[in-house]
Amino acid sequence: MTGTLAAALDARSIATAERLTASVEGDVAEVEDVLRITAIRLHYRLAVDDDGGKVDREAVDRALESYADKCPAYQSVRGCIDCSWDLELIAAD
């Protein structure tokens, strides 16, 4: 999913190489006596220069809202596993 988001951001001229990271959490529950992944939460971080790096936050938000439509991983689990994501802009090192 991170790769698909990176491609969506790159298409909007927002640099992601060495700048986009993700942390992932999930929930596992017993469903009908079988352990099952029931939820996945992704928290993306995009490092930008201290001055905001001229990053268009509206373009970032548009990419975040639409990238899942083209994401093979999400399309494979959609409807089976509850997936959510958000993105935080952070200062680059």
PDB file of N, CA and C in Angstrom:
ATOM      1  N   MET A   1       0.821  -1.183   0.000  1.00  0.00           N
ATOM      2  CA  MET A   1       0.000   0.000   0.000  1.00  0.00           C
ATOM      3  C   MET A   1       0.868   1.251   0.000  1.00  0.00           C
ATOM      4  N   THR A   2       1.998   1.173   0.687  1.00  0.00           N
ATOM      5  CA  THR A   2       2.884   2.330   0.731  1.00  0.00           C
ATOM      6  C   THR A   2       3.420   2.659  -0.656  1.00  0.00           C
ATOM      7  N   GLY A   3       3.744   1.644  -1.426  1.00  0.00           N
ATOM      8  CA  GLY A   3       4.247   1.874  -2.772  1.00  0.00           C
ATOM      9  C   GLY A   3       3.221   2.543  -3.675  1.00  0.00           C
ATOM     10  N   THR A   4       1.964   2.153  -3.532  1.00  0.00           N
ATOM     11  CA  THR A   4       0.911   2.761  -4.345  1.00  0.00           C
ATOM     12  C   THR A   4       0.699   4.212  -3.948  1.00  0.00           C
ATOM     13  N   LEU A   5       0.739   4.493  -2.642  1.00  0.00           N
ATOM     14  CA  LEU A   5       0.615   5.883  -2.200  1.00  0.00           C
ATOM     15  C   LEU A   5       1.807   6.697  -2.695  1.00  0.00           C
ATOM     16  N   ALA A   6       3.004   6.125  -2.616  1.00  0.00           N
ATOM     17  CA  ALA A   6       4.193   6.837  -3.102  1.00  0.00           C
ATOM     18  C   ALA A   6       4.042   7.186  -4.579  1.00  0.00           C
ATOM     19  N   ALA A   7       3.534   6.264  -5.373  1.00  0.00           N
ATOM     20  CA  ALA A   7       3.334   6.532  -6.800  1.00  0.00           C
ATOM     21  C   ALA A   7       2.311   7.644  -7.008  1.00  0.00           C
ATOM     22  N   ALA A   8       1.244   7.639  -6.209  1.00  0.00           N
ATOM     23  CA  ALA A   8       0.217   8.687  -6.327  1.00  0.00           C
ATOM     24  C   ALA A   8       0.787  10.051  -5.948  1.00  0.00           C
ATOM     25  N   LEU A   9       1.631  10.090  -4.925  1.00  0.00           N
ATOM     26  CA  LEU A   9       2.258  11.356  -4.525  1.00  0.00           C
ATOM     27  C   LEU A   9       3.281  11.803  -5.564  1.00  0.00           C
ATOM     28  N   ASP A  10       4.094  10.866  -6.041  1.00  0.00           N
ATOM     29  CA  ASP A  10       5.093  11.194  -7.064  1.00  0.00           C
ATOM     30  C   ASP A  10       4.425  11.748  -8.322  1.00  0.00           C
ATOM     31  N   ALA A  11       3.264  11.204  -8.684  1.00  0.00           N
ATOM     32  CA  ALA A  11       2.536  11.694  -9.861  1.00  0.00           C
ATOM     33  C   ALA A  11       2.099  13.142  -9.683  1.00  0.00           C
ATOM     34  N   ARG A  12       2.012  13.579  -8.431  1.00  0.00           N
ATOM     35  CA  ARG A  12       1.647  14.963  -8.117  1.00  0.00           C
ATOM     36  C   ARG A  12       2.884  15.806  -7.816  1.00  0.00           C
ATOM     37  N   SER A  13       4.047  15.311  -8.216  1.00  0.00           N
ATOM     38  CA  SER A  13       5.340  15.984  -8.018  1.00  0.00           C
ATOM     39  C   SER A  13       5.667  16.199  -6.547  1.00  0.00           C
ATOM     40  N   ILE A  14       5.252  15.257  -5.708  1.00  0.00           N
ATOM     41  CA  ILE A  14       5.584  15.296  -4.284  1.00  0.00           C
ATOM     42  C   ILE A  14       6.598  14.178  -4.044  1.00  0.00           C
ATOM     43  N   ALA A  15       7.821  14.557  -3.693  1.00  0.00           N
ATOM     44  CA  ALA A  15       8.913  13.595  -3.526  1.00  0.00           C
ATOM     45  C   ALA A  15       8.649  12.671  -2.344  1.00  0.00           C
ATOM     46  N   THR A  16       8.859  11.365  -2.566  1.00  0.00           N
ATOM     47  CA  THR A  16       8.635  10.393  -1.499  1.00  0.00           C
ATOM     48  C   THR A  16       9.860   9.537  -1.193  1.00  0.00           C
ATOM     49  N   ALA A  17      10.834   9.481  -2.101  1.00  0.00           N
ATOM     50  CA  ALA A  17      12.012   8.641  -1.883  1.00  0.00           C
ATOM     51  C   ALA A  17      12.706   9.058  -0.595  1.00  0.00           C
ATOM     52  N   GLU A  18      12.900   8.104   0.298  1.00  0.00           N
ATOM     53  CA  GLU A  18      13.530   8.340   1.603  1.00  0.00           C
ATOM     54  C   GLU A  18      12.720   9.297   2.479  1.00  0.00           C
ATOM     55  N   ARG A  19      11.504   9.623   2.099  1.00  0.00           N
ATOM     56  CA  ARG A  19      10.689  10.581   2.854  1.00  0.00           C
ATOM     57  C   ARG A  19       9.378   9.986   3.355  1.00  0.00           C
ATOM     58  N   LEU A  20       8.883   8.942   2.706  1.00  0.00           N
ATOM     59  CA  LEU A  20       7.597   8.361   3.079  1.00  0.00           C
ATOM     60  C   LEU A  20       7.823   7.072   3.851  1.00  0.00           C
ATOM     61  N   THR A  21       7.283   7.015   5.060  1.00  0.00           N
ATOM     62  CA  THR A  21       7.358   5.805   5.876  1.00  0.00           C
ATOM     63  C   THR A  21       5.960   5.472   6.375  1.00  0.00           C
ATOM     64  N   ALA A  22       5.821   4.258   6.864  1.00  0.00           N
ATOM     65  CA  ALA A  22       4.519   3.841   7.392  1.00  0.00           C
ATOM     66  C   ALA A  22       4.725   2.978   8.623  1.00  0.00           C
ATOM     67  N   SER A  23       3.829   3.134   9.576  1.00  0.00           N
ATOM     68  CA  SER A  23       3.743   2.186  10.685  1.00  0.00           C
ATOM     69  C   SER A  23       2.372   1.538  10.575  1.00  0.00           C
ATOM     70  N   VAL A  24       2.324   0.271  10.931  1.00  0.00           N
ATOM     71  CA  VAL A  24       1.106  -0.504  10.725  1.00  0.00           C
ATOM     72  C   VAL A  24       0.734  -1.222  12.008  1.00  0.00           C
ATOM     73  N   GLU A  25      -0.538  -1.180  12.337  1.00  0.00           N
ATOM     74  CA  GLU A  25      -1.091  -1.942  13.453  1.00  0.00           C
ATOM     75  C   GLU A  25      -2.244  -2.762  12.916  1.00  0.00           C
ATOM     76  N   GLY A  26      -2.523  -3.850  13.578  1.00  0.00           N
ATOM     77  CA  GLY A  26      -3.650  -4.668  13.155  1.00  0.00           C
ATOM     78  C   GLY A  26      -4.327  -5.323  14.332  1.00  0.00           C
ATOM     79  N   ASP A  27      -5.511  -5.802  14.080  1.00  0.00           N
ATOM     80  CA  ASP A  27      -6.272  -6.532  15.087  1.00  0.00           C
ATOM     81  C   ASP A  27      -6.492  -7.951  14.590  1.00  0.00           C
ATOM     82  N   VAL A  28      -6.336  -8.889  15.501  1.00  0.00           N
ATOM     83  CA  VAL A  28      -6.615 -10.287  15.214  1.00  0.00           C
ATOM     84  C   VAL A  28      -7.696 -10.724  16.186  1.00  0.00           C
ATOM     85  N   ALA A  29      -8.713 -11.388  15.667  1.00  0.00           N
ATOM     86  CA  ALA A  29      -9.813 -11.851  16.512  1.00  0.00           C
ATOM     87  C   ALA A  29     -10.167 -13.279  16.116  1.00  0.00           C
ATOM     88  N   GLU A  30     -10.743 -13.977  17.054  1.00  0.00           N
ATOM     89  CA  GLU A  30     -11.228 -15.318  16.760  1.00  0.00           C
ATOM     90  C   GLU A  30     -12.622 -15.194  16.159  1.00  0.00           C
ATOM     91  N   VAL A  31     -12.767 -15.681  14.958  1.00  0.00           N
ATOM     92  CA  VAL A  31     -14.043 -15.646  14.249  1.00  0.00           C
ATOM     93  C   VAL A  31     -14.395 -17.085  13.887  1.00  0.00           C
ATOM     94  N   GLU A  32     -15.467 -17.574  14.457  1.00  0.00           N
ATOM     95  CA  GLU A  32     -15.902 -18.954  14.215  1.00  0.00           C
ATOM     96  C   GLU A  32     -14.759 -19.940  14.450  1.00  0.00           C
ATOM     97  N   ASP A  33     -14.088 -19.784  15.593  1.00  0.00           N
ATOM     98  CA  ASP A  33     -12.997 -20.663  16.027  1.00  0.00           C
ATOM     99  C   ASP A  33     -11.742 -20.601  15.148  1.00  0.00           C
ATOM    100  N   VAL A  34     -11.612 -19.537  14.359  1.00  0.00           N
ATOM    101  CA  VAL A  34     -10.422 -19.351  13.528  1.00  0.00           C
ATOM    102  C   VAL A  34      -9.882 -17.949  13.776  1.00  0.00           C
ATOM    103  N   LEU A  35      -8.568 -17.842  14.005  1.00  0.00           N
ATOM    104  CA  LEU A  35      -7.971 -16.519  14.142  1.00  0.00           C
ATOM    105  C   LEU A  35      -8.002 -15.822  12.790  1.00  0.00           C
ATOM    106  N   ARG A  36      -8.398 -14.561  12.829  1.00  0.00           N
ATOM    107  CA  ARG A  36      -8.558 -13.816  11.580  1.00  0.00           C
ATOM    108  C   ARG A  36      -8.089 -12.381  11.780  1.00  0.00           C
ATOM    109  N   ILE A  37      -7.402 -11.828  10.794  1.00  0.00           N
ATOM    110  CA  ILE A  37      -7.062 -10.402  10.814  1.00  0.00           C
ATOM    111  C   ILE A  37      -8.348  -9.650  10.514  1.00  0.00           C
ATOM    112  N   THR A  38      -8.750  -8.777  11.438  1.00  0.00           N
ATOM    113  CA  THR A  38     -10.019  -8.063  11.267  1.00  0.00           C
ATOM    114  C   THR A  38      -9.831  -6.593  10.927  1.00  0.00           C
ATOM    115  N   ALA A  39      -8.660  -6.034  11.237  1.00  0.00           N
ATOM    116  CA  ALA A  39      -8.439  -4.613  10.955  1.00  0.00           C
ATOM    117  C   ALA A  39      -6.954  -4.347  10.745  1.00  0.00           C
ATOM    118  N   ILE A  40      -6.688  -3.401   9.861  1.00  0.00           N
ATOM    119  CA  ILE A  40      -5.328  -2.917   9.608  1.00  0.00           C
ATOM    120  C   ILE A  40      -5.393  -1.398   9.603  1.00  0.00           C
ATOM    121  N   ARG A  41      -4.496  -0.783  10.390  1.00  0.00           N
ATOM    122  CA  ARG A  41      -4.412   0.678  10.452  1.00  0.00           C
ATOM    123  C   ARG A  41      -3.011   1.096  10.026  1.00  0.00           C
ATOM    124  N   LEU A  42      -2.939   1.968   9.021  1.00  0.00           N
ATOM    125  CA  LEU A  42      -1.659   2.470   8.528  1.00  0.00           C
ATOM    126  C   LEU A  42      -1.532   3.937   8.893  1.00  0.00           C
ATOM    127  N   HIS A  43      -0.389   4.282   9.431  1.00  0.00           N
ATOM    128  CA  HIS A  43      -0.094   5.687   9.727  1.00  0.00           C
ATOM    129  C   HIS A  43       1.136   6.056   8.906  1.00  0.00           C
ATOM    130  N   TYR A  44       0.917   6.865   7.888  1.00  0.00           N
ATOM    131  CA  TYR A  44       2.002   7.312   7.019  1.00  0.00           C
ATOM    132  C   TYR A  44       2.615   8.586   7.583  1.00  0.00           C
ATOM    133  N   ARG A  45       3.924   8.720   7.353  1.00  0.00           N
ATOM    134  CA  ARG A  45       4.636   9.949   7.692  1.00  0.00           C
ATOM    135  C   ARG A  45       5.400  10.386   6.449  1.00  0.00           C
ATOM    136  N   LEU A  46       5.202  11.646   6.081  1.00  0.00           N
ATOM    137  CA  LEU A  46       5.910  12.212   4.936  1.00  0.00           C
ATOM    138  C   LEU A  46       6.799  13.330   5.447  1.00  0.00           C
ATOM    139  N   ALA A  47       8.109  13.141   5.318  1.00  0.00           N
ATOM    140  CA  ALA A  47       9.066  14.141   5.786  1.00  0.00           C
ATOM    141  C   ALA A  47       9.159  15.274   4.770  1.00  0.00           C
ATOM    142  N   VAL A  48       9.027  16.483   5.270  1.00  0.00           N
ATOM    143  CA  VAL A  48       9.127  17.680   4.426  1.00  0.00           C
ATOM    144  C   VAL A  48      10.159  18.614   5.045  1.00  0.00           C
ATOM    145  N   ASP A  49      10.690  19.505   4.238  1.00  0.00           N
ATOM    146  CA  ASP A  49      11.655  20.477   4.737  1.00  0.00           C
ATOM    147  C   ASP A  49      10.985  21.370   5.774  1.00  0.00           C
ATOM    148  N   ASP A  50      11.797  22.000   6.619  1.00  0.00           N
ATOM    149  CA  ASP A  50      11.272  22.828   7.711  1.00  0.00           C
ATOM    150  C   ASP A  50      10.284  23.885   7.248  1.00  0.00           C
ATOM    151  N   ASP A  51      10.473  24.398   6.053  1.00  0.00           N
ATOM    152  CA  ASP A  51       9.574  25.437   5.547  1.00  0.00           C
ATOM    153  C   ASP A  51       8.316  24.840   4.910  1.00  0.00           C
ATOM    154  N   GLY A  52       8.110  23.547   5.121  1.00  0.00           N
ATOM    155  CA  GLY A  52       6.974  22.881   4.504  1.00  0.00           C
ATOM    156  C   GLY A  52       7.339  22.296   3.157  1.00  0.00           C
ATOM    157  N   GLY A  53       8.533  22.633   2.682  1.00  0.00           N
ATOM    158  CA  GLY A  53       9.040  22.070   1.442  1.00  0.00           C
ATOM    159  C   GLY A  53       8.153  22.313   0.244  1.00  0.00           C
ATOM    160  N   LYS A  54       7.349  23.352   0.327  1.00  0.00           N
ATOM    161  CA  LYS A  54       6.441  23.670  -0.782  1.00  0.00           C
ATOM    162  C   LYS A  54       5.499  22.510  -1.094  1.00  0.00           C
ATOM    163  N   VAL A  55       5.218  21.680  -0.086  1.00  0.00           N
ATOM    164  CA  VAL A  55       4.303  20.558  -0.285  1.00  0.00           C
ATOM    165  C   VAL A  55       2.875  21.076  -0.260  1.00  0.00           C
ATOM    166  N   ASP A  56       2.138  20.736  -1.280  1.00  0.00           N
ATOM    167  CA  ASP A  56       0.733  21.123  -1.393  1.00  0.00           C
ATOM    168  C   ASP A  56      -0.100  20.126  -0.590  1.00  0.00           C
ATOM    169  N   ARG A  57      -0.530  20.533   0.607  1.00  0.00           N
ATOM    170  CA  ARG A  57      -1.267  19.618   1.481  1.00  0.00           C
ATOM    171  C   ARG A  57      -2.560  19.137   0.822  1.00  0.00           C
ATOM    172  N   GLU A  58      -3.194  19.980   0.037  1.00  0.00           N
ATOM    173  CA  GLU A  58      -4.417  19.552  -0.652  1.00  0.00           C
ATOM    174  C   GLU A  58      -4.114  18.428  -1.644  1.00  0.00           C
ATOM    175  N   ALA A  59      -2.983  18.506  -2.329  1.00  0.00           N
ATOM    176  CA  ALA A  59      -2.589  17.445  -3.263  1.00  0.00           C
ATOM    177  C   ALA A  59      -2.284  16.157  -2.504  1.00  0.00           C
ATOM    178  N   VAL A  60      -1.633  16.283  -1.346  1.00  0.00           N
ATOM    179  CA  VAL A  60      -1.361  15.114  -0.506  1.00  0.00           C
ATOM    180  C   VAL A  60      -2.677  14.467  -0.093  1.00  0.00           C
ATOM    181  N   ASP A  61      -3.615  15.270   0.368  1.00  0.00           N
ATOM    182  CA  ASP A  61      -4.902  14.738   0.814  1.00  0.00           C
ATOM    183  C   ASP A  61      -5.667  14.078  -0.324  1.00  0.00           C
ATOM    184  N   ARG A  62      -5.609  14.659  -1.515  1.00  0.00           N
ATOM    185  CA  ARG A  62      -6.287  14.050  -2.669  1.00  0.00           C
ATOM    186  C   ARG A  62      -5.674  12.682  -2.987  1.00  0.00           C
ATOM    187  N   ALA A  63      -4.353  12.597  -2.932  1.00  0.00           N
ATOM    188  CA  ALA A  63      -3.685  11.313  -3.179  1.00  0.00           C
ATOM    189  C   ALA A  63      -4.090  10.292  -2.127  1.00  0.00           C
ATOM    190  N   LEU A  64      -4.128  10.721  -0.871  1.00  0.00           N
ATOM    191  CA  LEU A  64      -4.482   9.819   0.220  1.00  0.00           C
ATOM    192  C   LEU A  64      -5.919   9.326   0.086  1.00  0.00           C
ATOM    193  N   GLU A  65      -6.801  10.182  -0.381  1.00  0.00           N
ATOM    194  CA  GLU A  65      -8.211   9.815  -0.527  1.00  0.00           C
ATOM    195  C   GLU A  65      -8.458   8.876  -1.708  1.00  0.00           C
ATOM    196  N   SER A  66      -7.588   8.900  -2.709  1.00  0.00           N
ATOM    197  CA  SER A  66      -7.888   8.149  -3.931  1.00  0.00           C
ATOM    198  C   SER A  66      -6.956   6.976  -4.224  1.00  0.00           C
ATOM    199  N   TYR A  67      -5.819   6.874  -3.549  1.00  0.00           N
ATOM    200  CA  TYR A  67      -4.828   5.875  -3.952  1.00  0.00           C
ATOM    201  C   TYR A  67      -5.308   4.444  -3.791  1.00  0.00           C
ATOM    202  N   ALA A  68      -6.170   4.182  -2.826  1.00  0.00           N
ATOM    203  CA  ALA A  68      -6.617   2.812  -2.565  1.00  0.00           C
ATOM    204  C   ALA A  68      -7.377   2.215  -3.745  1.00  0.00           C
ATOM    205  N   ASP A  69      -7.988   3.073  -4.549  1.00  0.00           N
ATOM    206  CA  ASP A  69      -8.717   2.580  -5.724  1.00  0.00           C
ATOM    207  C   ASP A  69      -7.797   1.854  -6.699  1.00  0.00           C
ATOM    208  N   LYS A  70      -6.516   2.197  -6.691  1.00  0.00           N
ATOM    209  CA  LYS A  70      -5.535   1.594  -7.608  1.00  0.00           C
ATOM    210  C   LYS A  70      -4.551   0.671  -6.886  1.00  0.00           C
ATOM    211  N   CYS A  71      -4.785   0.424  -5.604  1.00  0.00           N
ATOM    212  CA  CYS A  71      -3.835  -0.348  -4.796  1.00  0.00           C
ATOM    213  C   CYS A  71      -4.173  -1.845  -4.834  1.00  0.00           C
ATOM    214  N   PRO A  72      -3.283  -2.679  -5.390  1.00  0.00           N
ATOM    215  CA  PRO A  72      -3.556  -4.112  -5.458  1.00  0.00           C
ATOM    216  C   PRO A  72      -3.756  -4.751  -4.080  1.00  0.00           C
ATOM    217  N   ALA A  73      -2.955  -4.344  -3.094  1.00  0.00           N
ATOM    218  CA  ALA A  73      -3.089  -4.934  -1.759  1.00  0.00           C
ATOM    219  C   ALA A  73      -4.447  -4.604  -1.151  1.00  0.00           C
ATOM    220  N   TYR A  74      -4.839  -3.335  -1.207  1.00  0.00           N
ATOM    221  CA  TYR A  74      -6.133  -2.950  -0.640  1.00  0.00           C
ATOM    222  C   TYR A  74      -7.275  -3.614  -1.395  1.00  0.00           C
ATOM    223  N   GLN A  75      -7.201  -3.633  -2.706  1.00  0.00           N
ATOM    224  CA  GLN A  75      -8.270  -4.243  -3.489  1.00  0.00           C
ATOM    225  C   GLN A  75      -8.397  -5.736  -3.191  1.00  0.00           C
ATOM    226  N   SER A  76      -7.306  -6.380  -2.772  1.00  0.00           N
ATOM    227  CA  SER A  76      -7.331  -7.803  -2.443  1.00  0.00           C
ATOM    228  C   SER A  76      -8.021  -8.096  -1.119  1.00  0.00           C
ATOM    229  N   VAL A  77      -7.955  -7.159  -0.165  1.00  0.00           N
ATOM    230  CA  VAL A  77      -8.532  -7.422   1.163  1.00  0.00           C
ATOM    231  C   VAL A  77      -9.780  -6.595   1.453  1.00  0.00           C
ATOM    232  N   ARG A  78     -10.090  -5.665   0.577  1.00  0.00           N
ATOM    233  CA  ARG A  78     -11.261  -4.799   0.743  1.00  0.00           C
ATOM    234  C   ARG A  78     -12.512  -5.655   0.948  1.00  0.00           C
ATOM    235  N   GLY A  79     -13.293  -5.285   1.937  1.00  0.00           N
ATOM    236  CA  GLY A  79     -14.503  -6.034   2.232  1.00  0.00           C
ATOM    237  C   GLY A  79     -14.275  -7.204   3.173  1.00  0.00           C
ATOM    238  N   CYS A  80     -13.016  -7.610   3.340  1.00  0.00           N
ATOM    239  CA  CYS A  80     -12.682  -8.720   4.238  1.00  0.00           C
ATOM    240  C   CYS A  80     -11.997  -8.236   5.511  1.00  0.00           C
ATOM    241  N   ILE A  81     -11.176  -7.211   5.362  1.00  0.00           N
ATOM    242  CA  ILE A  81     -10.429  -6.643   6.480  1.00  0.00           C
ATOM    243  C   ILE A  81     -10.696  -5.146   6.486  1.00  0.00           C
ATOM    244  N   ASP A  82     -11.040  -4.613   7.652  1.00  0.00           N
ATOM    245  CA  ASP A  82     -11.278  -3.174   7.784  1.00  0.00           C
ATOM    246  C   ASP A  82      -9.928  -2.459   7.737  1.00  0.00           C
ATOM    247  N   CYS A  83      -9.720  -1.641   6.724  1.00  0.00           N
ATOM    248  CA  CYS A  83      -8.458  -0.912   6.557  1.00  0.00           C
ATOM    249  C   CYS A  83      -8.696   0.584   6.704  1.00  0.00           C
ATOM    250  N   SER A  84      -7.784   1.243   7.397  1.00  0.00           N
ATOM    251  CA  SER A  84      -7.848   2.700   7.522  1.00  0.00           C
ATOM    252  C   SER A  84      -6.428   3.244   7.444  1.00  0.00           C
ATOM    253  N   TRP A  85      -6.328   4.524   7.090  1.00  0.00           N
ATOM    254  CA  TRP A  85      -5.012   5.143   6.959  1.00  0.00           C
ATOM    255  C   TRP A  85      -5.120   6.638   7.166  1.00  0.00           C
ATOM    256  N   ASP A  86      -3.998   7.215   7.576  1.00  0.00           N
ATOM    257  CA  ASP A  86      -3.876   8.665   7.695  1.00  0.00           C
ATOM    258  C   ASP A  86      -2.438   9.032   7.357  1.00  0.00           C
ATOM    259  N   LEU A  87      -2.190  10.326   7.237  1.00  0.00           N
ATOM    260  CA  LEU A  87      -0.855  10.779   6.877  1.00  0.00           C
ATOM    261  C   LEU A  87      -0.517  12.023   7.675  1.00  0.00           C
ATOM    262  N   GLU A  88       0.692  12.026   8.200  1.00  0.00           N
ATOM    263  CA  GLU A  88       1.208  13.142   8.993  1.00  0.00           C
ATOM    264  C   GLU A  88       2.426  13.720   8.282  1.00  0.00           C
ATOM    265  N   LEU A  89       2.473  15.033   8.154  1.00  0.00           N
ATOM    266  CA  LEU A  89       3.671  15.691   7.642  1.00  0.00           C
ATOM    267  C   LEU A  89       4.608  15.922   8.818  1.00  0.00           C
ATOM    268  N   ILE A  90       5.869  15.524   8.662  1.00  0.00           N
ATOM    269  CA  ILE A  90       6.859  15.702   9.720  1.00  0.00           C
ATOM    270  C   ILE A  90       8.061  16.442   9.147  1.00  0.00           C
ATOM    271  N   ALA A  91       8.862  17.034  10.023  1.00  0.00           N
ATOM    272  CA  ALA A  91      10.067  17.750   9.597  1.00  0.00           C
ATOM    273  C   ALA A  91      11.129  16.748   9.161  1.00  0.00           C
ATOM    274  N   ALA A  92      11.759  17.028   8.029  1.00  0.00           N
ATOM    275  CA  ALA A  92      12.843  16.180   7.536  1.00  0.00           C
ATOM    276  C   ALA A  92      14.064  16.357   8.426  1.00  0.00           C
ATOM    277  N   ASP A  93      14.856  15.300   8.537  1.00  0.00           N
ATOM    278  CA  ASP A  93      16.090  15.370   9.339  1.00  0.00           C
ATOM    279  C   ASP A  93      17.126  16.204   8.648  1.00  0.00           C
TER     280      ASP A  93
END
